[in-house]
Amino acid sequence: MAMTFFRLITRTNLEQWLFAQEKNFSPLSFSVGNDEGDEQWCAPHVDYYKINVDAATFSDKHRFGFGWVLRDAKGFVIQARSGSRYGDVEPGFAEALGLKEVLSWIKISNFSNVTVETDSLVTVQALRSSVIMASPFGNCIEECKGLLSSLNNVNFRFVKRSANRVAHALARESWLYADRSYSGNSIPSNILDVIVLEMI
């Protein structure tokens, strides 16, 4: 019962936010730069890093999860992680939470010169908006904004799903693991196959 109420509140607030955005600008163009929306993954510049993050919900299992991968300018995997939590949540909240997990890891690991990429347009728009939403999604976005302000040269951008395939694959498998980290040498073979295809 409590979880159903939580989902209803989350959905209502997200719909209200989207409705407000439609009244003020085109949702497909708002705060998305000309250099965003890549359809294929590309490596960051030398001395920079890129993290791709994605989330997934598993309503039949009453779980949601996230996955992210950190790569350098040569495309080498430095770190990857997947995580899963119990609960029935809306996809937008799962995406925002995945981003929060990434930003928290960057802060703890003292990384800088990082571009974070997500295929969640709603999350990117919310991060760039001054609208404050009284909802779990809105609270998570505000926490992300706070983390971003405390980091050194860390930014985020929107990309298409086709440029986010490795993170998507990690997120889709996240329900199998409560929390799992990988180094470049311990990436599962099926994820490694996606990495190879993404770089072709």
Protein backbone atom coordinates (compact mmCIF):
# COMPACT_ATOMS: atom_id res chain seq x y z
CA MET A 1 0.00 0.00 0.00
CA ALA A 2 2.76 2.45 0.98
CA MET A 3 4.73 1.57 -2.15
CA THR A 4 1.66 2.16 -4.37
CA PHE A 5 1.17 5.59 -2.80
CA PHE A 6 4.87 6.35 -3.34
CA ARG A 7 4.55 5.47 -7.05
CA LEU A 8 1.42 7.61 -7.40
CA ILE A 9 3.12 10.67 -5.84
CA THR A 10 6.23 10.18 -7.98
CA ARG A 11 4.22 9.83 -11.19
CA THR A 12 2.03 12.85 -10.36
CA ASN A 13 4.98 15.13 -9.63
CA LEU A 14 6.86 14.02 -12.73
CA GLU A 15 3.79 14.58 -14.91
CA GLN A 16 3.28 18.03 -13.37
CA TRP A 17 6.89 18.94 -14.06
CA LEU A 18 6.69 17.74 -17.67
CA PHE A 19 3.42 19.65 -18.14
CA ALA A 20 5.05 22.82 -16.80
CA GLN A 21 7.96 22.38 -19.19
CA GLU A 22 5.66 21.98 -22.19
CA LYS A 23 4.01 25.32 -21.32
CA ASN A 24 7.33 27.16 -21.41
CA PHE A 25 9.50 25.47 -24.00
CA SER A 26 9.79 22.54 -26.33
CA PRO A 27 10.76 19.49 -24.22
CA LEU A 28 12.81 18.07 -27.08
CA SER A 29 15.03 21.12 -27.39
CA PHE A 30 15.16 22.58 -23.88
CA SER A 31 18.66 22.78 -22.44
CA VAL A 32 20.05 20.29 -24.92
CA GLY A 33 23.09 21.74 -26.61
CA ASN A 34 24.03 21.39 -30.25
CA ASP A 35 26.89 19.12 -29.19
CA GLU A 36 24.55 16.67 -27.44
CA GLY A 37 22.44 13.74 -28.58
CA ASP A 38 25.33 11.63 -29.89
CA GLU A 39 24.22 8.41 -31.53
CA GLN A 40 27.56 6.66 -31.09
CA TRP A 41 29.94 6.54 -28.14
CA CYS A 42 33.18 8.46 -28.56
CA ALA A 43 36.21 8.67 -26.30
CA PRO A 44 36.89 11.80 -24.24
CA HIS A 45 39.84 14.10 -24.88
CA VAL A 46 43.29 13.28 -23.51
CA ASP A 47 43.50 13.69 -19.71
CA TYR A 48 39.71 13.52 -19.46
CA TYR A 49 37.35 10.70 -18.51
CA LYS A 50 33.85 9.72 -19.49
CA ILE A 51 31.22 7.93 -17.42
CA ASN A 52 28.12 6.52 -19.05
CA VAL A 53 25.22 5.74 -16.73
CA ASP A 54 21.83 4.12 -17.19
CA ALA A 55 19.05 2.67 -15.04
CA ALA A 56 16.39 -0.01 -15.36
CA THR A 57 13.24 -1.01 -13.52
CA PHE A 58 12.08 -4.60 -12.97
CA SER A 59 8.44 -4.42 -11.94
CA ASP A 60 8.00 -8.20 -11.89
CA LYS A 61 10.85 -8.45 -9.38
CA HIS A 62 9.91 -5.27 -7.47
CA ARG A 63 13.43 -3.95 -8.03
CA PHE A 64 15.27 -1.24 -9.89
CA GLY A 65 18.91 -0.83 -10.67
CA PHE A 66 21.64 1.16 -12.37
CA GLY A 67 24.90 0.58 -14.19
CA TRP A 68 27.80 2.82 -15.11
CA VAL A 69 31.20 2.57 -16.76
CA LEU A 70 34.23 4.88 -16.52
CA ARG A 71 36.57 5.00 -19.51
CA ASP A 72 39.66 7.02 -20.41
CA ALA A 73 40.72 8.77 -23.61
CA LYS A 74 41.81 5.46 -25.16
CA GLY A 75 38.46 3.87 -24.40
CA PHE A 76 39.89 1.60 -21.72
CA VAL A 77 37.57 0.64 -18.88
CA ILE A 78 38.90 1.91 -15.57
CA GLN A 79 35.91 1.08 -13.40
CA ALA A 80 32.36 -0.15 -13.86
CA ARG A 81 29.60 -0.77 -11.36
CA SER A 82 26.07 -2.08 -11.18
CA GLY A 83 23.68 -1.88 -8.27
CA SER A 84 20.15 -2.94 -7.45
CA ARG A 85 17.59 -1.84 -4.88
CA TYR A 86 14.19 -3.10 -3.76
CA GLY A 87 11.16 -1.01 -4.65
CA ASP A 88 8.67 -0.16 -7.38
CA VAL A 89 9.74 3.22 -8.73
CA GLU A 90 9.20 5.22 -11.89
CA PRO A 91 11.98 5.06 -14.51
CA GLY A 92 12.75 8.78 -14.08
CA PHE A 93 13.52 8.33 -10.40
CA ALA A 94 15.71 5.28 -11.15
CA GLU A 95 17.66 7.33 -13.72
CA ALA A 96 18.16 10.21 -11.28
CA LEU A 97 19.29 7.83 -8.54
CA GLY A 98 21.77 6.19 -10.92
CA LEU A 99 23.25 9.60 -11.67
CA LYS A 100 23.42 10.41 -7.96
CA GLU A 101 25.33 7.15 -7.35
CA VAL A 102 27.84 8.13 -10.07
CA LEU A 103 28.35 11.63 -8.70
CA SER A 104 28.79 10.29 -5.16
CA TRP A 105 31.43 7.83 -6.43
CA ILE A 106 33.26 10.62 -8.29
CA LYS A 107 33.35 12.70 -5.12
CA ILE A 108 34.56 9.85 -2.90
CA SER A 109 37.17 8.83 -5.48
CA ASN A 110 38.33 12.43 -5.93
CA PHE A 111 38.07 12.29 -9.72
CA SER A 112 38.02 15.42 -11.90
CA ASN A 113 37.83 16.20 -15.62
CA VAL A 114 34.84 13.91 -16.09
CA THR A 115 31.91 14.05 -18.49
CA VAL A 116 28.88 12.04 -17.36
CA GLU A 117 26.58 10.88 -20.14
CA THR A 118 23.00 9.67 -19.76
CA ASP A 119 20.24 8.82 -22.21
CA SER A 120 17.60 10.19 -19.81
CA LEU A 121 16.48 13.49 -21.35
CA VAL A 122 14.11 14.15 -18.43
CA THR A 123 17.01 13.90 -15.97
CA VAL A 124 19.20 16.26 -18.00
CA GLN A 125 16.36 18.78 -18.34
CA ALA A 126 15.58 18.63 -14.61
CA LEU A 127 19.25 19.22 -13.72
CA ARG A 128 19.30 22.34 -15.89
CA SER A 129 15.96 23.64 -14.72
CA SER A 130 15.32 26.05 -11.85
CA VAL A 131 12.03 24.25 -11.13
CA ILE A 132 12.08 22.60 -7.69
CA MET A 133 9.82 19.57 -7.42
CA ALA A 134 8.49 18.32 -4.08
CA SER A 135 8.86 14.65 -4.93
CA PRO A 136 11.41 11.85 -4.54
CA PHE A 137 12.55 12.55 -8.13
CA GLY A 138 12.88 16.27 -7.38
CA ASN A 139 14.74 15.62 -4.12
CA CYS A 140 17.18 13.33 -5.93
CA ILE A 141 17.76 15.97 -8.62
CA GLU A 142 18.51 18.59 -5.95
CA GLU A 143 21.03 16.21 -4.36
CA CYS A 144 22.64 15.73 -7.77
CA LYS A 145 22.88 19.51 -8.21
CA GLY A 146 24.55 19.78 -4.82
CA LEU A 147 27.06 17.08 -5.68
CA LEU A 148 27.83 18.66 -9.06
CA SER A 149 28.57 22.00 -7.41
CA SER A 150 31.12 20.34 -5.12
CA LEU A 151 33.03 18.55 -7.88
CA ASN A 152 35.99 19.76 -9.93
CA ASN A 153 35.36 20.04 -13.67
CA VAL A 154 32.57 17.46 -13.84
CA ASN A 155 29.76 18.02 -16.32
CA PHE A 156 26.92 16.01 -17.82
CA ARG A 157 25.30 15.66 -21.20
CA PHE A 158 22.50 13.86 -22.99
CA VAL A 159 23.24 11.09 -25.50
CA LYS A 160 21.03 8.66 -27.41
CA ARG A 161 20.58 5.09 -26.15
CA SER A 162 22.80 3.86 -29.01
CA ALA A 163 25.70 5.82 -27.49
CA ASN A 164 25.01 4.42 -24.03
CA ARG A 165 24.91 0.68 -24.71
CA VAL A 166 27.47 -0.51 -22.15
CA ALA A 167 25.77 1.31 -19.27
CA HIS A 168 22.41 0.01 -20.52
CA ALA A 169 23.71 -3.57 -20.54
CA LEU A 170 25.05 -3.20 -16.99
CA ALA A 171 21.75 -1.71 -15.81
CA ARG A 172 19.73 -4.53 -17.39
CA GLU A 173 21.76 -7.10 -15.45
CA SER A 174 21.78 -5.14 -12.20
CA TRP A 175 18.87 -7.08 -10.67
CA LEU A 176 21.20 -10.07 -10.35
CA TYR A 177 23.52 -8.22 -7.97
CA ALA A 178 22.93 -5.97 -4.99
CA ASP A 179 26.22 -4.18 -5.67
CA ARG A 180 29.06 -5.21 -7.92
CA SER A 181 32.20 -3.42 -9.12
CA TYR A 182 34.44 -4.32 -12.03
CA SER A 183 37.90 -3.31 -13.09
CA GLY A 184 39.05 -3.37 -16.69
CA ASN A 185 40.28 -6.94 -16.25
CA SER A 186 37.16 -8.32 -14.61
CA ILE A 187 34.42 -7.14 -16.99
CA PRO A 188 32.07 -10.05 -17.82
CA SER A 189 32.49 -11.35 -21.36
CA ASN A 190 28.97 -10.37 -22.43
CA ILE A 191 29.59 -6.76 -21.33
CA LEU A 192 32.99 -6.81 -23.00
CA ASP A 193 31.28 -7.78 -26.26
CA VAL A 194 29.06 -4.68 -25.97
CA ILE A 195 32.14 -2.51 -25.33
CA VAL A 196 33.82 -3.83 -28.48
CA LEU A 197 30.69 -3.24 -30.57
CA GLU A 198 30.28 0.26 -29.15
CA MET A 199 33.80 1.25 -30.21
CA ILE A 200 33.48 0.00 -33.80
